Amino acid sequence: MAKYFQVVNMEAKYNQAMRRTGLYQEIGVNTAVAAGAFVVPTGLADNTVYGSGIKDINKMTVEAPVTAATAKGVYVTDIVKVSSGSISGNEYRIGAKTIGLIAAPGEPCAINKIELYDEFQIGADNFNAPVGLNTYATLTDGSVDLTPAVGIPATGLTLQIMQELKITEGTDATTTAYLCMVVQL
């Protein structure tokens, strides 16, 4: 199994202002992040072209939510990559990868702002414990993963687990994922 994220029907799919570029950090240090990480913005990233002190208006720094009841907008990482490798000194890149994607430290990735009634698929490994159908999941304090819940809490981002899926990459269906809908912000 692996981390996984796939847009199904999100407002960010249709509104470019809600799909941004994010640079994941932990305590101000660039860190690797997997697909389907739930993050909150911390500010604008430094502009790598013009140097320190100049901010990049197109790239936000993001981190794990400090508290599950965050008042900040919540985003989810959406990493896009292709398979690559070297054969006889030639570098090849071909085919879309969908499972187990990771942005390396300092590598920007797409982030989608989460809105009420958004629907997406998320991997079983994006939860910190097993989940079941028609249950719920919430943000986890200090983590990019979700925590299963039996009901809807009084406040905070809440997803309803709608359907279990097997995700196929190539010819093998190896990853369990869940279709989720945002039922509370």
N, C-alpha and C. Protein backbone atom coordinates (compact mmCIF):
# COMPACT_ATOMS: atom_id res chain seq x y z
N MET A 1 0.84 -1.18 0.00
CA MET A 1 0.00 0.00 0.00
C MET A 1 0.88 1.24 0.00
N ALA A 2 0.26 2.37 -0.31
CA ALA A 2 1.04 3.60 -0.41
C ALA A 2 0.12 4.80 -0.26
N LYS A 3 0.72 5.96 -0.11
CA LYS A 3 -0.04 7.21 -0.08
C LYS A 3 -0.59 7.45 -1.48
N TYR A 4 -1.79 8.06 -1.53
CA TYR A 4 -2.46 8.23 -2.82
C TYR A 4 -3.47 9.37 -2.71
N PHE A 5 -3.62 10.12 -3.80
CA PHE A 5 -4.64 11.16 -3.87
C PHE A 5 -5.08 11.33 -5.32
N GLN A 6 -6.39 11.47 -5.52
CA GLN A 6 -6.93 11.71 -6.86
C GLN A 6 -8.17 12.58 -6.75
N VAL A 7 -8.19 13.69 -7.47
CA VAL A 7 -9.37 14.56 -7.52
C VAL A 7 -10.51 13.81 -8.20
N VAL A 8 -11.71 13.92 -7.63
CA VAL A 8 -12.91 13.40 -8.28
C VAL A 8 -13.76 14.59 -8.71
N ASN A 9 -14.23 15.36 -7.74
CA ASN A 9 -15.04 16.53 -8.02
C ASN A 9 -14.75 17.58 -6.95
N MET A 10 -13.75 18.39 -7.20
CA MET A 10 -13.35 19.43 -6.25
C MET A 10 -13.50 20.80 -6.91
N GLU A 11 -13.86 21.78 -6.11
CA GLU A 11 -13.95 23.14 -6.65
C GLU A 11 -12.60 23.57 -7.23
N ALA A 12 -11.50 23.12 -6.65
CA ALA A 12 -10.17 23.48 -7.15
C ALA A 12 -9.93 22.96 -8.56
N LYS A 13 -10.67 21.94 -8.97
CA LYS A 13 -10.54 21.41 -10.33
C LYS A 13 -11.05 22.42 -11.36
N TYR A 14 -12.00 23.24 -10.96
CA TYR A 14 -12.64 24.18 -11.88
C TYR A 14 -12.27 25.63 -11.63
N ASN A 15 -11.68 25.94 -10.49
CA ASN A 15 -11.33 27.30 -10.12
C ASN A 15 -9.83 27.36 -9.84
N GLN A 16 -9.06 27.86 -10.79
CA GLN A 16 -7.60 27.88 -10.68
C GLN A 16 -7.10 28.65 -9.47
N ALA A 17 -7.88 29.60 -8.98
CA ALA A 17 -7.47 30.37 -7.81
C ALA A 17 -7.37 29.49 -6.56
N MET A 18 -8.01 28.32 -6.60
CA MET A 18 -8.01 27.42 -5.45
C MET A 18 -6.98 26.31 -5.60
N ARG A 19 -6.27 26.28 -6.73
CA ARG A 19 -5.20 25.31 -6.97
C ARG A 19 -3.90 26.09 -7.02
N ARG A 20 -3.08 25.91 -6.02
CA ARG A 20 -1.85 26.69 -5.87
C ARG A 20 -0.63 25.79 -5.93
N THR A 21 0.52 26.41 -5.82
CA THR A 21 1.77 25.67 -5.71
C THR A 21 2.23 25.80 -4.27
N GLY A 22 2.60 24.67 -3.66
CA GLY A 22 3.03 24.67 -2.27
C GLY A 22 4.40 24.07 -2.09
N LEU A 23 5.09 24.55 -1.09
CA LEU A 23 6.40 24.04 -0.71
C LEU A 23 6.28 23.59 0.74
N TYR A 24 6.33 22.27 0.97
CA TYR A 24 6.09 21.74 2.31
C TYR A 24 7.31 21.93 3.20
N GLN A 25 7.04 22.40 4.43
CA GLN A 25 8.10 22.62 5.40
C GLN A 25 7.67 22.11 6.77
N GLU A 26 8.67 21.72 7.57
CA GLU A 26 8.47 21.42 8.98
C GLU A 26 9.39 22.33 9.76
N ILE A 27 8.83 23.17 10.59
CA ILE A 27 9.57 24.16 11.39
C ILE A 27 10.50 24.99 10.48
N GLY A 28 9.97 25.41 9.33
CA GLY A 28 10.71 26.28 8.41
C GLY A 28 11.74 25.59 7.54
N VAL A 29 11.85 24.27 7.61
CA VAL A 29 12.84 23.53 6.82
C VAL A 29 12.11 22.71 5.75
N ASN A 30 12.57 22.84 4.50
CA ASN A 30 11.97 22.08 3.41
C ASN A 30 12.06 20.59 3.71
N THR A 31 10.93 19.89 3.54
CA THR A 31 10.83 18.48 3.88
C THR A 31 10.03 17.76 2.80
N ALA A 32 10.31 16.47 2.61
CA ALA A 32 9.55 15.67 1.64
C ALA A 32 8.10 15.56 2.10
N VAL A 33 7.20 15.44 1.12
CA VAL A 33 5.78 15.29 1.44
C VAL A 33 5.15 14.34 0.42
N ALA A 34 4.23 13.52 0.89
CA ALA A 34 3.55 12.54 0.03
C ALA A 34 2.25 13.10 -0.51
N ALA A 35 1.75 12.48 -1.56
CA ALA A 35 0.44 12.83 -2.11
C ALA A 35 -0.63 12.61 -1.05
N GLY A 36 -1.63 13.49 -1.03
CA GLY A 36 -2.72 13.35 -0.09
C GLY A 36 -2.41 13.86 1.30
N ALA A 37 -1.40 14.70 1.44
CA ALA A 37 -1.07 15.30 2.74
C ALA A 37 -1.98 16.51 2.96
N PHE A 38 -2.57 16.60 4.15
CA PHE A 38 -3.43 17.73 4.48
C PHE A 38 -2.59 18.80 5.17
N VAL A 39 -2.57 20.00 4.58
CA VAL A 39 -1.64 21.05 4.99
C VAL A 39 -2.37 22.39 5.12
N VAL A 40 -1.73 23.32 5.83
CA VAL A 40 -2.23 24.69 5.95
C VAL A 40 -1.13 25.66 5.53
N PRO A 41 -1.52 26.82 4.95
CA PRO A 41 -0.51 27.78 4.50
C PRO A 41 0.17 28.49 5.67
N THR A 42 1.44 28.82 5.48
CA THR A 42 2.19 29.58 6.49
C THR A 42 2.72 30.89 5.94
N GLY A 43 2.62 31.11 4.63
CA GLY A 43 3.10 32.35 4.02
C GLY A 43 3.55 32.10 2.59
N LEU A 44 4.19 33.10 2.02
CA LEU A 44 4.72 32.96 0.67
C LEU A 44 6.16 32.46 0.73
N ALA A 45 6.53 31.63 -0.25
CA ALA A 45 7.90 31.11 -0.32
C ALA A 45 8.83 32.19 -0.85
N ASP A 46 10.12 32.06 -0.52
CA ASP A 46 11.12 32.97 -1.08
C ASP A 46 11.22 32.75 -2.57
N ASN A 47 11.48 33.81 -3.30
CA ASN A 47 11.65 33.72 -4.74
C ASN A 47 13.06 33.24 -5.04
N THR A 48 13.20 32.12 -5.72
CA THR A 48 14.52 31.53 -5.99
C THR A 48 15.25 32.26 -7.11
N VAL A 49 14.54 33.04 -7.91
CA VAL A 49 15.18 33.77 -9.01
C VAL A 49 15.78 35.08 -8.52
N TYR A 50 15.03 35.83 -7.73
CA TYR A 50 15.46 37.16 -7.32
C TYR A 50 16.18 37.19 -5.98
N GLY A 51 16.24 36.07 -5.30
CA GLY A 51 17.02 36.00 -4.07
C GLY A 51 16.22 36.18 -2.81
N SER A 52 16.94 36.08 -1.70
CA SER A 52 16.34 36.14 -0.38
C SER A 52 15.67 37.49 -0.13
N GLY A 53 14.57 37.45 0.59
CA GLY A 53 13.86 38.67 0.94
C GLY A 53 12.76 39.01 -0.05
N ILE A 54 12.84 38.47 -1.26
CA ILE A 54 11.79 38.69 -2.26
C ILE A 54 10.88 37.47 -2.24
N LYS A 55 9.60 37.67 -2.10
CA LYS A 55 8.64 36.57 -2.02
C LYS A 55 8.11 36.21 -3.40
N ASP A 56 7.78 34.93 -3.57
CA ASP A 56 7.22 34.41 -4.80
C ASP A 56 5.70 34.40 -4.64
N ILE A 57 5.00 35.28 -5.36
CA ILE A 57 3.54 35.39 -5.19
C ILE A 57 2.80 34.18 -5.73
N ASN A 58 3.50 33.29 -6.42
CA ASN A 58 2.87 32.10 -6.99
C ASN A 58 3.10 30.83 -6.17
N LYS A 59 3.84 30.93 -5.06
CA LYS A 59 4.19 29.72 -4.31
C LYS A 59 4.05 29.97 -2.81
N MET A 60 3.24 29.14 -2.14
CA MET A 60 3.05 29.25 -0.70
C MET A 60 3.89 28.21 0.03
N THR A 61 4.32 28.54 1.24
CA THR A 61 4.88 27.52 2.12
C THR A 61 3.71 26.94 2.91
N VAL A 62 3.75 25.63 3.15
CA VAL A 62 2.68 24.95 3.87
C VAL A 62 3.28 24.01 4.90
N GLU A 63 2.49 23.67 5.91
CA GLU A 63 2.93 22.74 6.95
C GLU A 63 1.73 21.93 7.43
N ALA A 64 2.00 20.94 8.25
CA ALA A 64 0.93 20.15 8.86
C ALA A 64 0.12 21.04 9.78
N PRO A 65 -1.18 20.80 9.89
CA PRO A 65 -2.00 21.61 10.81
C PRO A 65 -1.53 21.42 12.25
N VAL A 66 -1.37 22.52 12.97
CA VAL A 66 -0.94 22.45 14.36
C VAL A 66 -2.08 21.92 15.21
N THR A 67 -3.29 22.28 14.87
CA THR A 67 -4.47 21.82 15.59
C THR A 67 -5.51 21.32 14.59
N ALA A 68 -6.25 20.31 14.94
CA ALA A 68 -7.27 19.76 14.05
C ALA A 68 -8.41 20.75 13.81
N ALA A 69 -8.60 21.70 14.71
CA ALA A 69 -9.67 22.70 14.57
C ALA A 69 -9.11 23.99 13.98
N THR A 70 -8.29 23.87 12.95
CA THR A 70 -7.64 25.04 12.37
C THR A 70 -8.65 25.98 11.73
N ALA A 71 -8.40 27.29 11.89
CA ALA A 71 -9.25 28.30 11.26
C ALA A 71 -8.70 28.68 9.88
N LYS A 72 -7.49 28.23 9.58
CA LYS A 72 -6.88 28.52 8.27
C LYS A 72 -7.52 27.63 7.22
N GLY A 73 -7.41 28.04 5.97
CA GLY A 73 -7.86 27.18 4.87
C GLY A 73 -7.01 25.93 4.84
N VAL A 74 -7.62 24.80 4.55
CA VAL A 74 -6.90 23.53 4.49
C VAL A 74 -6.74 23.15 3.03
N TYR A 75 -5.54 22.68 2.69
CA TYR A 75 -5.21 22.24 1.34
C TYR A 75 -4.79 20.77 1.39
N VAL A 76 -4.82 20.11 0.23
CA VAL A 76 -4.34 18.73 0.14
C VAL A 76 -3.35 18.68 -1.02
N THR A 77 -2.22 17.98 -0.80
CA THR A 77 -1.19 17.90 -1.84
C THR A 77 -1.64 16.98 -2.97
N ASP A 78 -1.32 17.39 -4.18
CA ASP A 78 -1.70 16.67 -5.39
C ASP A 78 -0.46 16.60 -6.27
N ILE A 79 0.29 15.52 -6.14
CA ILE A 79 1.59 15.40 -6.82
C ILE A 79 1.41 14.68 -8.15
N VAL A 80 2.04 15.21 -9.18
CA VAL A 80 1.99 14.63 -10.51
C VAL A 80 3.41 14.27 -10.95
N LYS A 81 3.62 13.02 -11.32
CA LYS A 81 4.94 12.58 -11.77
C LYS A 81 4.80 11.53 -12.85
N VAL A 82 5.90 11.23 -13.51
CA VAL A 82 5.93 10.15 -14.50
C VAL A 82 7.04 9.18 -14.11
N SER A 83 6.94 7.96 -14.60
CA SER A 83 7.98 6.96 -14.36
C SER A 83 9.24 7.40 -15.06
N SER A 84 10.38 7.15 -14.45
CA SER A 84 11.65 7.52 -15.08
C SER A 84 12.70 6.49 -14.75
N GLY A 85 13.73 6.46 -15.56
CA GLY A 85 14.82 5.53 -15.33
C GLY A 85 15.91 5.73 -16.36
N SER A 86 17.02 5.09 -16.13
CA SER A 86 18.15 5.20 -17.04
C SER A 86 18.45 3.83 -17.63
N ILE A 87 18.55 3.77 -18.95
CA ILE A 87 18.91 2.55 -19.66
C ILE A 87 20.06 2.88 -20.60
N SER A 88 21.19 2.23 -20.41
CA SER A 88 22.37 2.44 -21.25
C SER A 88 22.74 3.91 -21.36
N GLY A 89 22.63 4.63 -20.26
CA GLY A 89 23.03 6.04 -20.24
C GLY A 89 21.96 6.99 -20.74
N ASN A 90 20.83 6.49 -21.19
CA ASN A 90 19.73 7.34 -21.65
C ASN A 90 18.67 7.44 -20.56
N GLU A 91 18.23 8.65 -20.29
CA GLU A 91 17.22 8.89 -19.28
C GLU A 91 15.83 8.84 -19.94
N TYR A 92 14.96 7.99 -19.41
CA TYR A 92 13.62 7.84 -19.96
C TYR A 92 12.58 8.33 -18.96
N ARG A 93 11.55 8.99 -19.47
CA ARG A 93 10.39 9.41 -18.67
C ARG A 93 9.15 9.07 -19.48
N ILE A 94 8.32 8.19 -18.93
CA ILE A 94 7.15 7.76 -19.68
C ILE A 94 6.06 7.28 -18.73
N GLY A 95 4.81 7.52 -19.07
CA GLY A 95 3.68 6.99 -18.31
C GLY A 95 3.41 7.76 -17.03
N ALA A 96 2.15 7.93 -16.73
CA ALA A 96 1.75 8.64 -15.51
C ALA A 96 1.87 7.73 -14.30
N LYS A 97 2.43 8.25 -13.22
CA LYS A 97 2.46 7.54 -11.94
C LYS A 97 1.32 8.10 -11.11
N THR A 98 0.70 7.23 -10.34
CA THR A 98 -0.43 7.68 -9.52
C THR A 98 -0.33 7.26 -8.06
N ILE A 99 0.48 6.26 -7.77
CA ILE A 99 0.52 5.69 -6.43
C ILE A 99 1.88 5.94 -5.78
N GLY A 100 1.86 6.32 -4.51
CA GLY A 100 3.10 6.47 -3.74
C GLY A 100 3.96 7.65 -4.15
N LEU A 101 3.35 8.72 -4.63
CA LEU A 101 4.11 9.88 -5.10
C LEU A 101 4.59 10.74 -3.93
N ILE A 102 5.84 11.20 -4.05
CA ILE A 102 6.46 12.03 -3.01
C ILE A 102 7.17 13.20 -3.67
N ALA A 103 6.97 14.40 -3.13
CA ALA A 103 7.74 15.57 -3.54
C ALA A 103 8.95 15.64 -2.62
N ALA A 104 10.14 15.67 -3.20
CA ALA A 104 11.39 15.72 -2.43
C ALA A 104 11.50 17.04 -1.67
N PRO A 105 12.36 17.12 -0.65
CA PRO A 105 12.55 18.39 0.06
C PRO A 105 12.90 19.51 -0.91
N GLY A 106 12.18 20.62 -0.85
CA GLY A 106 12.42 21.76 -1.71
C GLY A 106 11.74 21.67 -3.07
N GLU A 107 11.07 20.54 -3.36
CA GLU A 107 10.35 20.38 -4.63
C GLU A 107 8.91 20.84 -4.45
N PRO A 108 8.49 21.88 -5.17
CA PRO A 108 7.11 22.35 -5.05
C PRO A 108 6.13 21.31 -5.59
N CYS A 109 4.91 21.35 -5.10
CA CYS A 109 3.85 20.47 -5.60
C CYS A 109 2.54 21.24 -5.65
N ALA A 110 1.58 20.70 -6.40
CA ALA A 110 0.26 21.31 -6.47
C ALA A 110 -0.47 21.06 -5.15
N ILE A 111 -1.23 22.05 -4.72
CA ILE A 111 -2.08 21.90 -3.55
C ILE A 111 -3.48 22.42 -3.91
N ASN A 112 -4.49 21.69 -3.48
CA ASN A 112 -5.89 22.04 -3.75
C ASN A 112 -6.57 22.49 -2.48
N LYS A 113 -7.20 23.67 -2.50
CA LYS A 113 -7.94 24.15 -1.34
C LYS A 113 -9.20 23.31 -1.19
N ILE A 114 -9.48 22.89 0.02
CA ILE A 114 -10.63 22.03 0.29
C ILE A 114 -11.86 22.88 0.60
N GLU A 115 -12.96 22.54 -0.07
CA GLU A 115 -14.23 23.23 0.12
C GLU A 115 -15.32 22.22 0.49
N LEU A 116 -16.40 22.71 1.04
CA LEU A 116 -17.52 21.87 1.43
C LEU A 116 -18.06 21.11 0.21
N TYR A 117 -18.31 19.83 0.38
CA TYR A 117 -18.85 18.90 -0.62
C TYR A 117 -17.84 18.50 -1.70
N ASP A 118 -16.57 18.86 -1.55
CA ASP A 118 -15.54 18.34 -2.46
C ASP A 118 -15.48 16.83 -2.32
N GLU A 119 -15.18 16.15 -3.42
CA GLU A 119 -15.03 14.69 -3.43
C GLU A 119 -13.66 14.33 -4.01
N PHE A 120 -13.00 13.38 -3.38
CA PHE A 120 -11.70 12.92 -3.87
C PHE A 120 -11.44 11.52 -3.33
N GLN A 121 -10.44 10.88 -3.93
CA GLN A 121 -10.00 9.57 -3.46
C GLN A 121 -8.72 9.77 -2.67
N ILE A 122 -8.61 9.04 -1.57
CA ILE A 122 -7.44 9.13 -0.71
C ILE A 122 -7.02 7.72 -0.31
N GLY A 123 -5.71 7.48 -0.28
CA GLY A 123 -5.21 6.14 0.03
C GLY A 123 -5.40 5.75 1.48
N ALA A 124 -5.48 4.46 1.72
CA ALA A 124 -5.63 3.94 3.08
C ALA A 124 -4.46 4.36 3.96
N ASP A 125 -3.27 4.52 3.36
CA ASP A 125 -2.09 4.93 4.14
C ASP A 125 -2.10 6.42 4.48
N ASN A 126 -3.06 7.19 3.99
CA ASN A 126 -3.18 8.59 4.35
C ASN A 126 -3.97 8.77 5.64
N PHE A 127 -4.41 7.67 6.24
CA PHE A 127 -5.09 7.69 7.53
C PHE A 127 -4.13 7.10 8.57
N ASN A 128 -4.22 7.55 9.81
CA ASN A 128 -3.31 7.02 10.85
C ASN A 128 -3.87 5.77 11.54
N ALA A 129 -5.03 5.30 11.07
CA ALA A 129 -5.64 4.05 11.59
C ALA A 129 -6.63 3.56 10.54
N PRO A 130 -7.03 2.29 10.61
CA PRO A 130 -7.99 1.76 9.64
C PRO A 130 -9.33 2.51 9.68
N VAL A 131 -9.96 2.64 8.51
CA VAL A 131 -11.26 3.31 8.42
C VAL A 131 -12.30 2.34 7.87
N GLY A 132 -13.55 2.68 8.05
CA GLY A 132 -14.65 1.86 7.53
C GLY A 132 -15.59 2.72 6.72
N LEU A 133 -16.44 2.08 5.95
CA LEU A 133 -17.42 2.79 5.14
C LEU A 133 -18.43 3.50 6.03
N ASN A 134 -18.91 4.64 5.53
CA ASN A 134 -19.91 5.47 6.21
C ASN A 134 -19.45 5.92 7.59
N THR A 135 -18.14 6.03 7.75
CA THR A 135 -17.58 6.64 8.96
C THR A 135 -17.00 7.99 8.52
N TYR A 136 -16.22 8.60 9.38
CA TYR A 136 -15.72 9.95 9.12
C TYR A 136 -14.22 10.00 9.40
N ALA A 137 -13.60 11.09 8.96
CA ALA A 137 -12.19 11.33 9.25
C ALA A 137 -12.00 12.83 9.46
N THR A 138 -11.06 13.15 10.34
CA THR A 138 -10.77 14.54 10.68
C THR A 138 -9.28 14.79 10.58
N LEU A 139 -8.90 16.07 10.66
CA LEU A 139 -7.48 16.42 10.68
C LEU A 139 -6.85 15.88 11.95
N THR A 140 -5.55 15.68 11.89
CA THR A 140 -4.80 15.20 13.04
C THR A 140 -3.84 16.29 13.49
N ASP A 141 -3.83 16.59 14.79
CA ASP A 141 -2.93 17.61 15.32
C ASP A 141 -1.49 17.29 14.94
N GLY A 142 -0.80 18.24 14.31
CA GLY A 142 0.62 18.10 14.01
C GLY A 142 0.96 17.05 12.98
N SER A 143 0.00 16.59 12.17
CA SER A 143 0.26 15.54 11.18
C SER A 143 -0.46 15.87 9.87
N VAL A 144 0.07 15.36 8.76
CA VAL A 144 -0.56 15.53 7.46
C VAL A 144 -1.57 14.43 7.18
N ASP A 145 -1.65 13.42 8.04
CA ASP A 145 -2.57 12.30 7.87
C ASP A 145 -3.91 12.58 8.55
N LEU A 146 -4.91 11.79 8.22
CA LEU A 146 -6.24 11.93 8.79
C LEU A 146 -6.46 10.93 9.92
N THR A 147 -7.37 11.27 10.83
CA THR A 147 -7.75 10.40 11.94
C THR A 147 -9.19 9.94 11.75
N PRO A 148 -9.44 8.63 11.76
CA PRO A 148 -10.82 8.14 11.64
C PRO A 148 -11.67 8.60 12.83
N ALA A 149 -12.97 8.80 12.56
CA ALA A 149 -13.92 9.21 13.60
C ALA A 149 -15.24 8.50 13.34
N VAL A 150 -15.98 8.21 14.40
CA VAL A 150 -17.26 7.52 14.24
C VAL A 150 -18.40 8.49 13.93
N GLY A 151 -18.23 9.76 14.27
CA GLY A 151 -19.27 10.75 14.02
C GLY A 151 -18.65 12.07 13.60
N ILE A 152 -19.50 13.04 13.34
CA ILE A 152 -19.05 14.38 12.95
C ILE A 152 -18.79 15.19 14.21
N PRO A 153 -17.56 15.68 14.39
CA PRO A 153 -17.26 16.49 15.58
C PRO A 153 -17.95 17.86 15.50
N ALA A 154 -17.92 18.60 16.58
CA ALA A 154 -18.59 19.91 16.64
C ALA A 154 -17.98 20.90 15.64
N THR A 155 -16.66 20.84 15.46
CA THR A 155 -15.99 21.78 14.55
C THR A 155 -14.88 21.07 13.80
N GLY A 156 -14.39 21.73 12.77
CA GLY A 156 -13.22 21.25 12.05
C GLY A 156 -13.54 20.47 10.79
N LEU A 157 -12.55 20.38 9.92
CA LEU A 157 -12.68 19.66 8.67
C LEU A 157 -13.06 18.21 8.94
N THR A 158 -14.13 17.75 8.27
CA THR A 158 -14.59 16.37 8.43
C THR A 158 -14.92 15.79 7.06
N LEU A 159 -14.40 14.59 6.80
CA LEU A 159 -14.67 13.86 5.57
C LEU A 159 -15.56 12.67 5.89
N GLN A 160 -16.49 12.35 4.99
CA GLN A 160 -17.25 11.12 5.12
C GLN A 160 -16.66 10.10 4.16
N ILE A 161 -16.42 8.87 4.65
CA ILE A 161 -15.88 7.79 3.84
C ILE A 161 -17.06 7.17 3.09
N MET A 162 -17.10 7.32 1.77
CA MET A 162 -18.26 6.93 0.96
C MET A 162 -18.12 5.55 0.33
N GLN A 163 -16.90 5.19 -0.10
CA GLN A 163 -16.72 3.94 -0.84
C GLN A 163 -15.28 3.49 -0.75
N GLU A 164 -15.06 2.17 -0.70
CA GLU A 164 -13.71 1.61 -0.75
C GLU A 164 -13.40 1.22 -2.19
N LEU A 165 -12.18 1.50 -2.63
CA LEU A 165 -11.77 1.25 -4.01
C LEU A 165 -10.43 0.52 -4.04
N LYS A 166 -10.17 -0.21 -5.12
CA LYS A 166 -8.83 -0.76 -5.39
C LYS A 166 -8.26 0.05 -6.54
N ILE A 167 -7.09 0.63 -6.35
CA ILE A 167 -6.47 1.48 -7.35
C ILE A 167 -5.47 0.68 -8.17
N THR A 168 -5.53 0.86 -9.47
CA THR A 168 -4.68 0.13 -10.40
C THR A 168 -3.66 1.07 -11.02
N GLU A 169 -2.40 0.65 -11.00
CA GLU A 169 -1.36 1.34 -11.74
C GLU A 169 -0.69 0.27 -12.59
N GLY A 170 -0.79 0.40 -13.90
CA GLY A 170 -0.30 -0.67 -14.76
C GLY A 170 -1.33 -1.77 -14.81
N THR A 171 -0.94 -2.98 -14.41
CA THR A 171 -1.87 -4.11 -14.48
C THR A 171 -2.29 -4.62 -13.11
N ASP A 172 -1.72 -4.09 -12.04
CA ASP A 172 -2.02 -4.61 -10.70
C ASP A 172 -2.86 -3.63 -9.88
N ALA A 173 -3.93 -4.14 -9.28
CA ALA A 173 -4.73 -3.36 -8.33
C ALA A 173 -4.17 -3.64 -6.94
N THR A 174 -3.28 -2.78 -6.49
CA THR A 174 -2.53 -3.06 -5.27
C THR A 174 -2.83 -2.12 -4.11
N THR A 175 -3.47 -1.00 -4.37
CA THR A 175 -3.63 0.01 -3.34
C THR A 175 -5.10 0.21 -2.99
N THR A 176 -5.41 0.18 -1.71
CA THR A 176 -6.76 0.47 -1.25
C THR A 176 -6.90 1.98 -1.07
N ALA A 177 -7.98 2.51 -1.59
CA ALA A 177 -8.27 3.94 -1.44
C ALA A 177 -9.73 4.09 -1.07
N TYR A 178 -10.10 5.29 -0.67
CA TYR A 178 -11.47 5.59 -0.26
C TYR A 178 -11.97 6.83 -0.97
N LEU A 179 -13.20 6.77 -1.44
CA LEU A 179 -13.86 7.94 -1.98
C LEU A 179 -14.41 8.71 -0.78
N CYS A 180 -14.02 9.96 -0.67
CA CYS A 180 -14.42 10.78 0.47
C CYS A 180 -15.14 12.05 0.01
N MET A 181 -16.04 12.55 0.84
CA MET A 181 -16.70 13.82 0.59
C MET A 181 -16.55 14.70 1.83
N VAL A 182 -16.24 15.96 1.62
CA VAL A 182 -16.11 16.92 2.71
C VAL A 182 -17.51 17.29 3.19
N VAL A 183 -17.81 17.00 4.44
CA VAL A 183 -19.14 17.27 4.99
C VAL A 183 -19.15 18.40 6.01
N GLN A 184 -17.95 18.86 6.40
CA GLN A 184 -17.87 19.98 7.35
C GLN A 184 -16.51 20.63 7.23
N LEU A 185 -16.49 21.97 7.31
CA LEU A 185 -15.21 22.70 7.30
C LEU A 185 -14.91 23.30 8.65
